[in-house]
Amino acid sequence: MAALPSDALVESLRLPGTASISPDKLAALLELPLQDLARFAGVHRNSLRLHPETPRAQAFARNVVRVLQIITDVRGDADEARYLFKNAPIPTLGYKTALELVEEGRTEDVAGYLRSVSAGFVG
């Protein structure tokens, strides 16, 4: 998968006919079972299937997309961004992955770290 501009990434994840991100498409992008995505989002797995537009699920999805896009912009490769998002521990943030940090509600910490890395600073 080549690097996508923000609009293309967001549009590729759109729940048809809505202004929501599709949990199914996001789970597929991250190569995660839908039940794992639900757990990370802090919602019941049936909520994603029956009510994908719930505020909590959509807030989590937007944060995931935001961090993925920042990593893609920094690294230049969407496949690498997905890998790093799920697997690369960030030393200055307690050796947690970006996914774990977004799950904890620390999206701003991840975004700030990634901005500092892209500017040439290492924390």
Protein backbone atom coordinates (compact mmCIF):
# COMPACT_ATOMS: atom_id res chain seq x y z
CA MET A 1 0.00 0.00 0.00
CA ALA A 2 1.54 3.31 -1.05
CA ALA A 3 1.51 6.40 1.13
CA LEU A 4 -1.86 8.09 0.95
CA PRO A 5 -2.67 11.75 1.40
CA SER A 6 -4.81 12.37 4.49
CA ASP A 7 -8.00 12.84 2.49
CA ALA A 8 -7.49 9.58 0.60
CA LEU A 9 -6.81 7.62 3.79
CA VAL A 10 -9.87 9.02 5.54
CA GLU A 11 -12.06 8.48 2.47
CA SER A 12 -10.82 4.89 2.10
CA LEU A 13 -12.06 4.19 5.64
CA ARG A 14 -15.43 5.91 5.29
CA LEU A 15 -18.55 4.01 6.30
CA PRO A 16 -20.64 4.29 3.10
CA GLY A 17 -23.34 6.91 3.21
CA THR A 18 -22.17 8.38 6.52
CA ALA A 19 -19.66 10.76 8.02
CA SER A 20 -18.19 7.91 10.12
CA ILE A 21 -15.09 5.75 9.89
CA SER A 22 -15.88 2.11 9.20
CA PRO A 23 -14.68 -0.12 12.04
CA ASP A 24 -14.50 -3.05 9.61
CA LYS A 25 -12.26 -1.14 7.21
CA LEU A 26 -10.08 0.18 10.03
CA ALA A 27 -9.69 -3.31 11.52
CA ALA A 28 -8.75 -4.65 8.07
CA LEU A 29 -6.22 -1.86 7.56
CA LEU A 30 -4.60 -2.67 10.91
CA GLU A 31 -4.90 -6.42 10.33
CA LEU A 32 -6.79 -6.81 13.60
CA PRO A 33 -9.90 -8.83 14.43
CA LEU A 34 -12.88 -6.55 14.95
CA GLN A 35 -13.18 -7.73 18.57
CA ASP A 36 -9.62 -6.51 19.25
CA LEU A 37 -10.42 -3.14 17.71
CA ALA A 38 -13.50 -2.95 19.97
CA ARG A 39 -11.38 -3.74 23.01
CA PHE A 40 -8.82 -1.07 22.09
CA ALA A 41 -11.65 1.44 21.57
CA GLY A 42 -13.20 0.51 24.91
CA VAL A 43 -16.54 -0.59 23.46
CA HIS A 44 -18.37 -3.91 23.24
CA ARG A 45 -17.64 -5.78 20.01
CA ASN A 46 -21.32 -5.74 19.09
CA SER A 47 -21.32 -1.96 19.36
CA LEU A 48 -18.93 -1.74 16.43
CA ARG A 49 -21.14 -4.02 14.37
CA LEU A 50 -24.52 -2.57 15.32
CA HIS A 51 -23.66 1.06 16.08
CA PRO A 52 -20.33 1.91 14.45
CA GLU A 53 -21.09 5.62 14.73
CA THR A 54 -20.92 5.66 18.55
CA PRO A 55 -18.89 8.65 19.75
CA ARG A 56 -16.34 6.58 21.68
CA ALA A 57 -15.64 4.25 18.76
CA GLN A 58 -15.40 7.14 16.30
CA ALA A 59 -13.10 9.16 18.58
CA PHE A 60 -10.77 6.18 18.85
CA ALA A 61 -10.90 5.62 15.07
CA ARG A 62 -10.09 9.29 14.36
CA ASN A 63 -7.15 9.15 16.74
CA VAL A 64 -5.82 6.01 15.07
CA VAL A 65 -6.12 7.60 11.63
CA ARG A 66 -4.43 10.77 12.88
CA VAL A 67 -1.43 8.92 14.28
CA LEU A 68 -1.17 6.64 11.25
CA GLN A 69 -1.12 9.66 8.98
CA ILE A 70 1.59 11.38 11.04
CA ILE A 71 3.74 8.23 10.97
CA THR A 72 3.17 7.90 7.22
CA ASP A 73 4.16 11.53 6.71
CA VAL A 74 7.32 11.07 8.79
CA ARG A 75 8.38 7.71 7.33
CA GLY A 76 6.91 8.04 3.82
CA ASP A 77 5.45 4.54 3.72
CA ALA A 78 1.94 3.52 4.79
CA ASP A 79 2.81 -0.16 5.26
CA GLU A 80 5.72 0.74 7.52
CA ALA A 81 3.46 3.17 9.39
CA ARG A 82 0.95 0.41 10.14
CA TYR A 83 3.74 -1.87 11.34
CA LEU A 84 5.31 0.79 13.55
CA PHE A 85 1.92 1.88 14.93
CA LYS A 86 1.21 -1.64 16.18
CA ASN A 87 4.67 -2.91 17.08
CA ALA A 88 7.35 -0.29 17.73
CA PRO A 89 7.83 0.63 21.39
CA ILE A 90 8.46 4.34 21.95
CA PRO A 91 11.23 4.65 24.58
CA THR A 92 10.35 8.18 25.75
CA LEU A 93 6.72 7.14 26.27
CA GLY A 94 7.33 4.16 28.53
CA TYR A 95 8.21 1.71 25.77
CA LYS A 96 4.57 1.46 24.75
CA THR A 97 3.46 1.25 21.14
CA ALA A 98 1.48 4.02 19.48
CA LEU A 99 -1.56 1.70 19.51
CA GLU A 100 -1.25 1.15 23.25
CA LEU A 101 -0.87 4.88 23.84
CA VAL A 102 -3.89 5.79 21.69
CA GLU A 103 -5.86 3.13 23.57
CA GLU A 104 -4.87 4.89 26.82
CA GLY A 105 -6.08 8.23 25.47
CA ARG A 106 -2.53 9.57 24.96
CA THR A 107 -2.88 10.52 21.31
CA GLU A 108 -1.48 14.00 21.93
CA ASP A 109 1.65 12.50 23.52
CA VAL A 110 2.21 10.29 20.48
CA ALA A 111 1.52 13.13 18.05
CA GLY A 112 3.91 15.43 19.92
CA TYR A 113 6.63 12.79 19.94
CA LEU A 114 6.21 12.14 16.23
CA ARG A 115 6.29 15.86 15.44
CA SER A 116 9.53 16.21 17.41
CA VAL A 117 11.06 13.24 15.56
CA SER A 118 10.04 14.68 12.21
CA ALA A 119 11.65 18.00 13.18
CA GLY A 120 14.88 16.20 14.00
CA PHE A 121 14.61 16.04 17.78
CA VAL A 122 14.83 12.76 19.63
CA GLY A 123 13.35 12.53 23.12
